[in-house]
Amino acid sequence: MARLVAFVVLCLLSVSLATATFVGNPFLVKGKTYCDTCRCGFETPATKYLAGSKVRVECRHRDSNKITYSVDGVTNSQGEYNILVNRDCGNDVCDVVLVESADKKCGVPNAGRDRARVVLTRNNGMISDVRYANNMGFLSNEPLSACTQILQQYALTEDQY
């Protein structure tokens, strides 16, 4: 019986410590946004990183898919964003999503590159407060003239992308 009581106390203590650890230690979500100037679906040497673009961390309940948490951010001069998330979202599925491009000539979110999944819980063995999201991109209205040469480096032709 004493072992059972000790086990229950230990479990409750670990839960309270995990909760106490989060207070004052928000997650920092980091990533970049870019303009796919060649409209090829990935970053190239001609890629332009977008300053002033709007992104959002959006968490949804696993079962109901209702938004449970949302916080916006803006990219700096290198197209990088740093967004603080002030809660553990262990029961949610969280993504960073593109909201708006600062460049009107590159304003269409690239399907498949318009969101990036991030894990925002401490209940997974990760000890860092920093979470890195994959880079997300907008498509340029028109590809640059140099893109044909750039894509030849990847052995791709216009028929293949």
N, C-alpha and C. Protein backbone atom coordinates (compact mmCIF):
# COMPACT_ATOMS: atom_id res chain seq x y z
N MET A 1 0.82 -1.19 0.00
CA MET A 1 0.00 0.00 0.00
C MET A 1 0.87 1.25 0.00
N ALA A 2 1.95 1.22 0.75
CA ALA A 2 2.85 2.37 0.83
C ALA A 2 3.47 2.66 -0.54
N ARG A 3 3.77 1.60 -1.27
CA ARG A 3 4.35 1.79 -2.61
C ARG A 3 3.35 2.47 -3.55
N LEU A 4 2.10 2.09 -3.44
CA LEU A 4 1.06 2.68 -4.28
C LEU A 4 0.89 4.17 -3.96
N VAL A 5 0.87 4.51 -2.70
CA VAL A 5 0.76 5.91 -2.28
C VAL A 5 1.98 6.70 -2.77
N ALA A 6 3.15 6.12 -2.62
CA ALA A 6 4.37 6.79 -3.06
C ALA A 6 4.34 7.01 -4.58
N PHE A 7 3.85 6.03 -5.32
CA PHE A 7 3.75 6.15 -6.77
C PHE A 7 2.79 7.27 -7.18
N VAL A 8 1.64 7.33 -6.54
CA VAL A 8 0.65 8.37 -6.84
C VAL A 8 1.22 9.75 -6.52
N VAL A 9 1.88 9.89 -5.37
CA VAL A 9 2.49 11.17 -4.99
C VAL A 9 3.55 11.56 -6.01
N LEU A 10 4.37 10.62 -6.43
CA LEU A 10 5.41 10.90 -7.42
C LEU A 10 4.80 11.35 -8.75
N CYS A 11 3.73 10.71 -9.17
CA CYS A 11 3.06 11.11 -10.42
C CYS A 11 2.51 12.53 -10.31
N LEU A 12 1.84 12.83 -9.21
CA LEU A 12 1.28 14.17 -9.02
C LEU A 12 2.38 15.23 -8.95
N LEU A 13 3.48 14.89 -8.31
CA LEU A 13 4.60 15.83 -8.20
C LEU A 13 5.19 16.11 -9.57
N SER A 14 5.35 15.08 -10.41
CA SER A 14 5.92 15.30 -11.74
C SER A 14 5.00 16.15 -12.61
N VAL A 15 3.69 15.97 -12.51
CA VAL A 15 2.74 16.78 -13.26
C VAL A 15 2.83 18.23 -12.81
N SER A 16 2.89 18.47 -11.51
CA SER A 16 2.96 19.85 -11.02
C SER A 16 4.28 20.51 -11.39
N LEU A 17 5.36 19.75 -11.41
CA LEU A 17 6.65 20.32 -11.83
C LEU A 17 6.63 20.66 -13.31
N ALA A 18 6.04 19.80 -14.13
CA ALA A 18 5.96 20.06 -15.57
C ALA A 18 5.15 21.32 -15.83
N THR A 19 4.07 21.50 -15.10
CA THR A 19 3.24 22.70 -15.25
C THR A 19 3.99 23.93 -14.78
N ALA A 20 4.68 23.82 -13.66
CA ALA A 20 5.42 24.96 -13.11
C ALA A 20 6.57 25.36 -14.02
N THR A 21 7.17 24.39 -14.72
CA THR A 21 8.28 24.69 -15.61
C THR A 21 7.84 25.60 -16.75
N PHE A 22 6.62 25.44 -17.22
CA PHE A 22 6.16 26.22 -18.36
C PHE A 22 5.96 27.69 -18.02
N VAL A 23 5.57 27.99 -16.81
CA VAL A 23 5.34 29.38 -16.42
C VAL A 23 6.63 30.17 -16.62
N GLY A 24 6.56 31.22 -17.41
CA GLY A 24 7.74 32.04 -17.64
C GLY A 24 8.64 31.55 -18.75
N ASN A 25 8.35 30.41 -19.33
CA ASN A 25 9.15 29.88 -20.43
C ASN A 25 8.28 29.65 -21.66
N PRO A 26 7.94 30.70 -22.37
CA PRO A 26 7.13 30.50 -23.58
C PRO A 26 7.94 29.82 -24.66
N PHE A 27 7.25 29.24 -25.60
CA PHE A 27 7.91 28.68 -26.78
C PHE A 27 8.25 29.83 -27.72
N LEU A 28 9.35 29.70 -28.45
CA LEU A 28 9.72 30.65 -29.49
C LEU A 28 9.68 29.90 -30.81
N VAL A 29 8.76 30.29 -31.67
CA VAL A 29 8.63 29.67 -32.99
C VAL A 29 9.38 30.53 -34.00
N LYS A 30 10.31 29.91 -34.72
CA LYS A 30 11.16 30.64 -35.68
C LYS A 30 11.00 30.04 -37.07
N GLY A 31 11.09 30.89 -38.07
CA GLY A 31 11.04 30.44 -39.46
C GLY A 31 11.27 31.59 -40.41
N LYS A 32 11.09 31.32 -41.70
CA LYS A 32 11.29 32.33 -42.75
C LYS A 32 10.18 32.24 -43.78
N THR A 33 9.93 33.37 -44.44
CA THR A 33 9.03 33.39 -45.59
C THR A 33 9.83 33.87 -46.80
N TYR A 34 9.44 33.37 -47.96
CA TYR A 34 10.17 33.71 -49.17
C TYR A 34 9.24 33.87 -50.35
N CYS A 35 9.78 34.52 -51.38
CA CYS A 35 9.10 34.63 -52.67
C CYS A 35 9.76 33.62 -53.61
N ASP A 36 8.98 32.69 -54.12
CA ASP A 36 9.46 31.72 -55.11
C ASP A 36 9.46 32.43 -56.46
N THR A 37 10.56 33.09 -56.76
CA THR A 37 10.67 33.92 -57.96
C THR A 37 10.70 33.10 -59.26
N CYS A 38 10.93 31.80 -59.14
CA CYS A 38 10.92 30.94 -60.33
C CYS A 38 9.65 30.10 -60.44
N ARG A 39 8.78 30.22 -59.46
CA ARG A 39 7.52 29.47 -59.45
C ARG A 39 7.75 27.97 -59.61
N CYS A 40 8.78 27.45 -58.94
CA CYS A 40 9.11 26.04 -59.09
C CYS A 40 8.75 25.20 -57.86
N GLY A 41 8.30 25.84 -56.79
CA GLY A 41 7.85 25.09 -55.63
C GLY A 41 8.88 24.85 -54.55
N PHE A 42 10.07 25.42 -54.74
CA PHE A 42 11.12 25.27 -53.72
C PHE A 42 12.07 26.46 -53.81
N GLU A 43 12.93 26.58 -52.80
CA GLU A 43 13.88 27.69 -52.77
C GLU A 43 15.02 27.44 -53.77
N THR A 44 15.45 28.51 -54.43
CA THR A 44 16.53 28.46 -55.40
C THR A 44 17.49 29.62 -55.09
N PRO A 45 18.60 29.72 -55.82
CA PRO A 45 19.48 30.87 -55.63
C PRO A 45 18.80 32.21 -55.94
N ALA A 46 17.70 32.20 -56.68
CA ALA A 46 16.98 33.43 -57.01
C ALA A 46 15.88 33.76 -55.99
N THR A 47 15.70 32.92 -55.01
CA THR A 47 14.67 33.14 -53.99
C THR A 47 14.91 34.46 -53.27
N LYS A 48 13.82 35.17 -53.03
CA LYS A 48 13.89 36.45 -52.31
C LYS A 48 13.14 36.27 -50.99
N TYR A 49 13.81 36.59 -49.88
CA TYR A 49 13.16 36.48 -48.56
C TYR A 49 12.38 37.76 -48.30
N LEU A 50 11.19 37.61 -47.74
CA LEU A 50 10.22 38.70 -47.69
C LEU A 50 10.14 39.37 -46.33
N ALA A 51 10.51 40.64 -46.30
CA ALA A 51 10.36 41.45 -45.10
C ALA A 51 8.93 41.96 -45.00
N GLY A 52 8.39 42.02 -43.79
CA GLY A 52 7.07 42.60 -43.57
C GLY A 52 5.89 41.69 -43.88
N SER A 53 6.15 40.42 -44.15
CA SER A 53 5.05 39.49 -44.41
C SER A 53 4.42 39.05 -43.10
N LYS A 54 3.14 38.75 -43.16
CA LYS A 54 2.40 38.34 -41.96
C LYS A 54 2.24 36.83 -41.93
N VAL A 55 2.51 36.26 -40.74
CA VAL A 55 2.33 34.84 -40.51
C VAL A 55 1.54 34.66 -39.21
N ARG A 56 1.04 33.45 -39.00
CA ARG A 56 0.24 33.18 -37.81
C ARG A 56 0.53 31.78 -37.29
N VAL A 57 0.69 31.65 -35.98
CA VAL A 57 0.69 30.34 -35.34
C VAL A 57 -0.76 30.05 -35.00
N GLU A 58 -1.24 28.92 -35.48
CA GLU A 58 -2.65 28.56 -35.32
C GLU A 58 -2.73 27.12 -34.79
N CYS A 59 -3.36 26.95 -33.64
CA CYS A 59 -3.52 25.62 -33.05
C CYS A 59 -4.99 25.24 -33.07
N ARG A 60 -5.24 23.98 -33.41
CA ARG A 60 -6.61 23.47 -33.49
C ARG A 60 -6.73 22.22 -32.63
N HIS A 61 -7.89 22.07 -32.02
CA HIS A 61 -8.16 20.89 -31.20
C HIS A 61 -8.12 19.66 -32.10
N ARG A 62 -7.49 18.61 -31.63
CA ARG A 62 -7.32 17.39 -32.44
C ARG A 62 -8.63 16.80 -32.94
N ASP A 63 -9.66 16.82 -32.10
CA ASP A 63 -10.91 16.17 -32.47
C ASP A 63 -11.89 17.10 -33.18
N SER A 64 -12.09 18.29 -32.63
CA SER A 64 -13.11 19.19 -33.17
C SER A 64 -12.59 20.08 -34.30
N ASN A 65 -11.28 20.22 -34.41
CA ASN A 65 -10.63 21.07 -35.41
C ASN A 65 -10.93 22.56 -35.19
N LYS A 66 -11.46 22.91 -34.03
CA LYS A 66 -11.72 24.32 -33.71
C LYS A 66 -10.43 24.99 -33.28
N ILE A 67 -10.25 26.26 -33.67
CA ILE A 67 -9.06 27.00 -33.28
C ILE A 67 -9.09 27.23 -31.77
N THR A 68 -8.00 26.83 -31.12
CA THR A 68 -7.89 26.99 -29.67
C THR A 68 -6.87 28.05 -29.29
N TYR A 69 -5.97 28.38 -30.22
CA TYR A 69 -4.94 29.37 -29.95
C TYR A 69 -4.47 29.97 -31.26
N SER A 70 -4.23 31.27 -31.26
CA SER A 70 -3.76 31.95 -32.46
C SER A 70 -2.95 33.16 -32.06
N VAL A 71 -1.80 33.35 -32.70
CA VAL A 71 -0.98 34.53 -32.46
C VAL A 71 -0.28 34.89 -33.77
N ASP A 72 -0.26 36.18 -34.09
CA ASP A 72 0.31 36.66 -35.35
C ASP A 72 1.73 37.15 -35.17
N GLY A 73 2.46 37.17 -36.29
CA GLY A 73 3.81 37.69 -36.32
C GLY A 73 4.10 38.32 -37.67
N VAL A 74 5.20 39.08 -37.73
CA VAL A 74 5.63 39.76 -38.95
C VAL A 74 7.12 39.46 -39.15
N THR A 75 7.51 39.29 -40.41
CA THR A 75 8.90 38.98 -40.70
C THR A 75 9.78 40.23 -40.66
N ASN A 76 11.05 40.01 -40.33
CA ASN A 76 12.02 41.11 -40.29
C ASN A 76 12.62 41.33 -41.68
N SER A 77 13.68 42.12 -41.76
CA SER A 77 14.28 42.47 -43.06
C SER A 77 14.89 41.27 -43.79
N GLN A 78 15.16 40.18 -43.07
CA GLN A 78 15.69 38.97 -43.71
C GLN A 78 14.60 37.92 -43.97
N GLY A 79 13.35 38.31 -43.75
CA GLY A 79 12.24 37.38 -43.96
C GLY A 79 12.04 36.41 -42.81
N GLU A 80 12.68 36.66 -41.67
CA GLU A 80 12.59 35.77 -40.51
C GLU A 80 11.51 36.25 -39.54
N TYR A 81 10.83 35.30 -38.92
CA TYR A 81 9.87 35.65 -37.88
C TYR A 81 10.23 34.92 -36.59
N ASN A 82 9.89 35.53 -35.48
CA ASN A 82 10.05 34.97 -34.15
C ASN A 82 8.76 35.25 -33.40
N ILE A 83 8.01 34.20 -33.10
CA ILE A 83 6.71 34.35 -32.46
C ILE A 83 6.72 33.63 -31.12
N LEU A 84 6.34 34.35 -30.07
CA LEU A 84 6.24 33.75 -28.74
C LEU A 84 4.87 33.11 -28.57
N VAL A 85 4.87 31.89 -28.07
CA VAL A 85 3.64 31.17 -27.76
C VAL A 85 3.63 30.93 -26.26
N ASN A 86 2.66 31.50 -25.59
CA ASN A 86 2.65 31.52 -24.12
C ASN A 86 1.86 30.39 -23.48
N ARG A 87 1.75 29.26 -24.16
CA ARG A 87 1.06 28.13 -23.54
C ARG A 87 1.50 26.83 -24.17
N ASP A 88 1.29 25.76 -23.46
CA ASP A 88 1.55 24.41 -23.96
C ASP A 88 0.31 23.97 -24.72
N CYS A 89 0.50 23.53 -25.94
CA CYS A 89 -0.63 23.15 -26.81
C CYS A 89 -0.62 21.65 -27.07
N GLY A 90 -0.40 20.88 -26.02
CA GLY A 90 -0.24 19.43 -26.14
C GLY A 90 -1.42 18.70 -26.71
N ASN A 91 -2.64 19.21 -26.54
CA ASN A 91 -3.83 18.54 -27.06
C ASN A 91 -4.24 19.08 -28.43
N ASP A 92 -3.39 19.92 -29.00
CA ASP A 92 -3.72 20.58 -30.26
C ASP A 92 -2.74 20.21 -31.36
N VAL A 93 -3.17 20.47 -32.58
CA VAL A 93 -2.29 20.38 -33.75
C VAL A 93 -2.01 21.81 -34.17
N CYS A 94 -0.72 22.18 -34.19
CA CYS A 94 -0.35 23.57 -34.45
C CYS A 94 0.43 23.70 -35.76
N ASP A 95 0.11 24.75 -36.49
CA ASP A 95 0.80 25.08 -37.73
C ASP A 95 1.13 26.56 -37.73
N VAL A 96 2.22 26.90 -38.39
CA VAL A 96 2.47 28.29 -38.75
C VAL A 96 1.91 28.42 -40.16
N VAL A 97 1.12 29.46 -40.41
CA VAL A 97 0.48 29.62 -41.71
C VAL A 97 0.80 31.01 -42.28
N LEU A 98 0.88 31.07 -43.60
CA LEU A 98 1.06 32.35 -44.27
C LEU A 98 -0.25 33.13 -44.21
N VAL A 99 -0.17 34.41 -43.91
CA VAL A 99 -1.35 35.26 -43.86
C VAL A 99 -1.35 36.24 -45.02
N GLU A 100 -0.24 37.00 -45.17
CA GLU A 100 -0.20 38.02 -46.22
C GLU A 100 1.24 38.34 -46.58
N SER A 101 1.50 38.45 -47.86
CA SER A 101 2.82 38.85 -48.34
C SER A 101 2.94 40.36 -48.34
N ALA A 102 4.12 40.85 -48.06
CA ALA A 102 4.37 42.29 -48.14
C ALA A 102 4.63 42.73 -49.57
N ASP A 103 4.88 41.78 -50.46
CA ASP A 103 5.19 42.07 -51.86
C ASP A 103 3.98 41.70 -52.72
N LYS A 104 3.32 42.68 -53.27
CA LYS A 104 2.11 42.43 -54.07
C LYS A 104 2.41 41.68 -55.36
N LYS A 105 3.67 41.69 -55.83
CA LYS A 105 4.05 40.94 -57.02
C LYS A 105 4.36 39.48 -56.68
N CYS A 106 4.26 39.17 -55.41
CA CYS A 106 4.54 37.81 -54.95
C CYS A 106 3.58 37.52 -53.79
N GLY A 107 2.30 37.39 -54.12
CA GLY A 107 1.31 37.34 -53.06
C GLY A 107 0.47 36.09 -52.96
N VAL A 108 0.68 35.12 -53.84
CA VAL A 108 -0.13 33.90 -53.81
C VAL A 108 0.60 32.83 -52.99
N PRO A 109 -0.01 32.37 -51.89
CA PRO A 109 0.66 31.30 -51.12
C PRO A 109 0.87 30.06 -51.97
N ASN A 110 2.05 29.47 -51.87
CA ASN A 110 2.41 28.28 -52.62
C ASN A 110 1.80 27.07 -51.94
N ALA A 111 0.84 26.42 -52.58
CA ALA A 111 0.19 25.24 -52.00
C ALA A 111 1.24 24.19 -51.63
N GLY A 112 1.18 23.71 -50.42
CA GLY A 112 2.17 22.75 -49.94
C GLY A 112 3.32 23.42 -49.21
N ARG A 113 3.50 24.70 -49.44
CA ARG A 113 4.54 25.48 -48.75
C ARG A 113 3.90 26.67 -48.03
N ASP A 114 2.60 26.59 -47.80
CA ASP A 114 1.87 27.70 -47.19
C ASP A 114 1.64 27.50 -45.69
N ARG A 115 2.12 26.39 -45.15
CA ARG A 115 2.00 26.12 -43.72
C ARG A 115 3.11 25.18 -43.29
N ALA A 116 3.43 25.22 -42.01
CA ALA A 116 4.48 24.37 -41.46
C ALA A 116 4.06 23.90 -40.07
N ARG A 117 4.06 22.61 -39.85
CA ARG A 117 3.66 22.02 -38.57
C ARG A 117 4.73 22.28 -37.51
N VAL A 118 4.29 22.65 -36.31
CA VAL A 118 5.20 22.81 -35.17
C VAL A 118 4.60 22.09 -33.96
N VAL A 119 5.45 21.50 -33.16
CA VAL A 119 5.03 20.80 -31.96
C VAL A 119 5.22 21.75 -30.78
N LEU A 120 4.12 22.10 -30.12
CA LEU A 120 4.18 23.09 -29.04
C LEU A 120 3.73 22.46 -27.73
N THR A 121 4.49 21.48 -27.29
CA THR A 121 4.26 20.86 -26.00
C THR A 121 5.60 20.48 -25.40
N ARG A 122 5.64 20.37 -24.09
CA ARG A 122 6.84 19.93 -23.40
C ARG A 122 6.73 18.44 -23.06
N ASN A 123 5.62 17.84 -23.40
CA ASN A 123 5.38 16.45 -23.07
C ASN A 123 5.83 15.53 -24.20
N ASN A 124 7.05 15.77 -24.71
CA ASN A 124 7.54 14.97 -25.82
C ASN A 124 9.04 14.72 -25.77
N GLY A 125 9.69 15.14 -24.71
CA GLY A 125 11.12 14.90 -24.57
C GLY A 125 12.01 16.01 -25.10
N MET A 126 11.45 16.97 -25.82
CA MET A 126 12.24 18.09 -26.32
C MET A 126 12.44 19.09 -25.18
N ILE A 127 13.68 19.50 -24.93
CA ILE A 127 13.93 20.38 -23.80
C ILE A 127 14.09 21.84 -24.19
N SER A 128 14.30 22.12 -25.45
CA SER A 128 14.48 23.49 -25.91
C SER A 128 13.14 24.21 -25.97
N ASP A 129 13.16 25.51 -25.70
CA ASP A 129 11.97 26.34 -25.85
C ASP A 129 11.78 26.80 -27.29
N VAL A 130 12.78 26.60 -28.14
CA VAL A 130 12.73 27.07 -29.52
C VAL A 130 12.20 25.96 -30.43
N ARG A 131 11.26 26.34 -31.28
CA ARG A 131 10.71 25.42 -32.27
C ARG A 131 10.94 26.04 -33.65
N TYR A 132 11.49 25.24 -34.56
CA TYR A 132 11.80 25.73 -35.92
C TYR A 132 10.76 25.20 -36.90
N ALA A 133 10.16 26.11 -37.63
CA ALA A 133 9.19 25.75 -38.67
C ALA A 133 9.89 25.73 -40.02
N ASN A 134 9.44 24.88 -40.92
CA ASN A 134 9.97 24.89 -42.28
C ASN A 134 9.67 26.23 -42.94
N ASN A 135 10.53 26.64 -43.86
CA ASN A 135 10.30 27.88 -44.59
C ASN A 135 9.03 27.77 -45.42
N MET A 136 8.33 28.90 -45.53
CA MET A 136 7.06 28.94 -46.27
C MET A 136 7.18 29.98 -47.38
N GLY A 137 6.49 29.71 -48.51
CA GLY A 137 6.69 30.57 -49.66
C GLY A 137 5.43 31.04 -50.36
N PHE A 138 5.58 32.22 -50.94
CA PHE A 138 4.58 32.79 -51.84
C PHE A 138 5.11 32.65 -53.26
N LEU A 139 4.22 32.57 -54.22
CA LEU A 139 4.62 32.47 -55.63
C LEU A 139 4.65 33.85 -56.27
N SER A 140 5.70 34.08 -57.06
CA SER A 140 5.81 35.30 -57.84
C SER A 140 4.75 35.29 -58.94
N ASN A 141 4.25 36.47 -59.29
CA ASN A 141 3.27 36.55 -60.37
C ASN A 141 3.85 36.07 -61.69
N GLU A 142 5.11 36.41 -61.93
CA GLU A 142 5.81 36.01 -63.16
C GLU A 142 7.20 35.49 -62.78
N PRO A 143 7.64 34.39 -63.37
CA PRO A 143 9.00 33.91 -63.08
C PRO A 143 10.05 34.86 -63.68
N LEU A 144 11.18 34.94 -63.00
CA LEU A 144 12.29 35.75 -63.52
C LEU A 144 12.83 35.14 -64.80
N SER A 145 13.41 35.97 -65.66
CA SER A 145 13.96 35.46 -66.92
C SER A 145 15.15 34.53 -66.67
N ALA A 146 15.85 34.69 -65.55
CA ALA A 146 17.02 33.85 -65.24
C ALA A 146 16.64 32.47 -64.74
N CYS A 147 15.36 32.21 -64.53
CA CYS A 147 14.93 30.95 -63.94
C CYS A 147 15.22 29.74 -64.82
N THR A 148 15.17 29.90 -66.11
CA THR A 148 15.47 28.77 -67.00
C THR A 148 16.88 28.25 -66.74
N GLN A 149 17.83 29.16 -66.65
CA GLN A 149 19.21 28.76 -66.35
C GLN A 149 19.34 28.17 -64.95
N ILE A 150 18.65 28.75 -64.00
CA ILE A 150 18.70 28.25 -62.62
C ILE A 150 18.15 26.84 -62.55
N LEU A 151 17.02 26.60 -63.20
CA LEU A 151 16.42 25.27 -63.16
C LEU A 151 17.24 24.23 -63.91
N GLN A 152 18.04 24.66 -64.88
CA GLN A 152 18.93 23.72 -65.57
C GLN A 152 19.97 23.15 -64.61
N GLN A 153 20.30 23.89 -63.56
CA GLN A 153 21.23 23.38 -62.54
C GLN A 153 20.64 22.17 -61.83
N TYR A 154 19.33 22.12 -61.76
CA TYR A 154 18.64 21.01 -61.11
C TYR A 154 18.22 19.94 -62.10
N ALA A 155 18.59 20.10 -63.35
CA ALA A 155 18.22 19.19 -64.43
C ALA A 155 16.71 19.13 -64.60
N LEU A 156 16.04 20.26 -64.41
CA LEU A 156 14.59 20.36 -64.60
C LEU A 156 14.31 21.25 -65.80
N THR A 157 13.31 20.90 -66.55
CA THR A 157 12.86 21.76 -67.63
C THR A 157 11.46 22.23 -67.29
N GLU A 158 10.92 23.15 -68.07
CA GLU A 158 9.58 23.66 -67.81
C GLU A 158 8.53 22.58 -67.84
N ASP A 159 8.75 21.52 -68.64
CA ASP A 159 7.78 20.42 -68.73
C ASP A 159 7.75 19.58 -67.45
N GLN A 160 8.79 19.68 -66.62
CA GLN A 160 8.87 18.83 -65.43
C GLN A 160 8.39 19.53 -64.16
N TYR A 161 8.09 20.82 -64.20
CA TYR A 161 7.60 21.46 -62.98
C TYR A 161 6.31 22.17 -63.19
